[in-house]
Protein backbone atom coordinates (compact mmCIF):
# COMPACT_ATOMS: atom_id res chain seq x y z
CA UNK A 1 -1.15 -34.66 14.68
CA UNK A 2 0.81 -32.26 16.81
CA UNK A 3 2.80 -29.42 15.28
CA UNK A 4 4.63 -26.77 17.21
CA UNK A 5 4.48 -23.32 15.60
CA UNK A 6 6.43 -20.31 16.81
CA UNK A 7 4.70 -16.99 16.17
CA UNK A 8 6.17 -13.53 16.29
CA UNK A 9 4.91 -11.44 19.21
CA UNK A 10 2.75 -9.48 16.76
CA UNK A 11 1.11 -12.64 15.37
CA UNK A 12 0.71 -14.09 18.85
CA UNK A 13 -1.08 -10.91 19.95
CA UNK A 14 -3.29 -11.04 16.84
CA UNK A 15 -4.28 -14.66 17.41
CA UNK A 16 -5.10 -13.98 21.05
CA UNK A 17 -7.26 -11.01 20.01
CA UNK A 18 -9.12 -13.28 17.57
CA UNK A 19 -9.82 -15.76 20.36
CA UNK A 20 -10.77 -13.05 22.85
CA UNK A 21 -13.12 -11.58 20.24
CA UNK A 22 -15.11 -14.80 20.44
CA UNK A 23 -14.94 -15.82 16.80
CA UNK A 24 -12.49 -18.63 17.52
CA UNK A 25 -12.27 -20.98 20.49
CA UNK A 26 -8.48 -21.22 20.56
CA UNK A 27 -5.27 -20.31 18.76
CA UNK A 28 -5.31 -23.58 16.79
CA UNK A 29 -8.61 -22.59 15.17
CA UNK A 30 -7.10 -19.23 14.18
CA UNK A 31 -4.07 -20.94 12.65
CA UNK A 32 -6.23 -23.48 10.78
CA UNK A 33 -8.44 -20.70 9.40
CA UNK A 34 -5.33 -18.78 8.34
CA UNK A 35 -3.89 -21.81 6.59
CA UNK A 36 -7.18 -22.41 4.76
CA UNK A 37 -7.10 -18.79 3.55
CA UNK A 38 -3.48 -19.22 2.43
CA UNK A 39 -4.40 -22.44 0.65
CA UNK A 40 -7.27 -20.67 -1.16
CA UNK A 41 -4.95 -17.82 -2.16
CA UNK A 42 -2.35 -20.28 -3.46
CA UNK A 43 -5.04 -22.16 -5.41
CA UNK A 44 -6.21 -18.89 -6.99
CA UNK A 45 -2.60 -17.94 -7.80
CA UNK A 46 -1.98 -21.36 -9.40
CA UNK A 47 -5.21 -21.11 -11.43
CA UNK A 48 -4.35 -17.57 -12.54
CA UNK A 49 -0.85 -18.66 -13.56
CA UNK A 50 -2.36 -21.58 -15.51
CA UNK A 51 -4.74 -19.17 -17.28
CA UNK A 52 -1.83 -16.87 -18.17
CA UNK A 53 0.10 -19.81 -19.59
CA UNK A 54 -2.92 -20.75 -21.73
CA UNK A 55 -3.25 -17.16 -22.96
CA UNK A 56 0.44 -17.04 -23.84
CA UNK A 57 0.12 -20.32 -25.74
CA UNK A 58 -2.89 -18.93 -27.61
CA UNK A 59 -1.02 -15.73 -28.42
CA UNK A 60 1.96 -17.72 -29.71
CA UNK A 61 -0.37 -19.88 -31.82
CA UNK A 62 -2.85 -17.27 -33.09
CA UNK A 63 -0.91 -14.02 -32.82
CA UNK A 64 -1.65 -10.82 -30.97
CA UNK A 65 -2.99 -7.34 -31.66
CA UNK A 66 -1.36 -4.07 -30.73
CA UNK A 67 -3.36 -1.52 -28.78
CA UNK A 68 -2.87 0.94 -31.60
CA UNK A 69 -4.39 -1.42 -34.21
CA UNK A 70 -7.38 -2.13 -31.96
CA UNK A 71 -7.94 1.60 -31.38
CA UNK A 72 -7.82 2.28 -35.13
CA UNK A 73 -10.44 -0.43 -35.71
CA UNK A 74 -12.64 0.95 -32.91
CA UNK A 75 -12.37 4.46 -34.35
CA UNK A 76 -13.34 3.11 -37.79
CA UNK A 77 -16.38 1.32 -36.37
CA UNK A 78 -17.51 4.45 -34.51
CA UNK A 79 -17.01 6.62 -37.59
CA UNK A 80 -19.00 4.19 -39.77
CA UNK A 81 -21.93 4.23 -37.33
CA UNK A 82 -21.94 8.03 -37.17
CA UNK A 83 -22.53 8.29 -40.91
């Protein structure tokens, strides 16, 4: 498969530096590595979004707690243990 990609001068310079640094053999390897990183980031974003949706569904189903009510309960637990 052949794909033509136009890079900004800044990205072109960066890819060349990656190749010259010896970590990659050519610009295509740099681009492939970059796309794999982007794919991983998108996968993590999708998974995080899915988790948030599940949490929202749980909150709608089971209800939520305010920070103030949680802090009151924590203070009560601490006070009970101090006695």
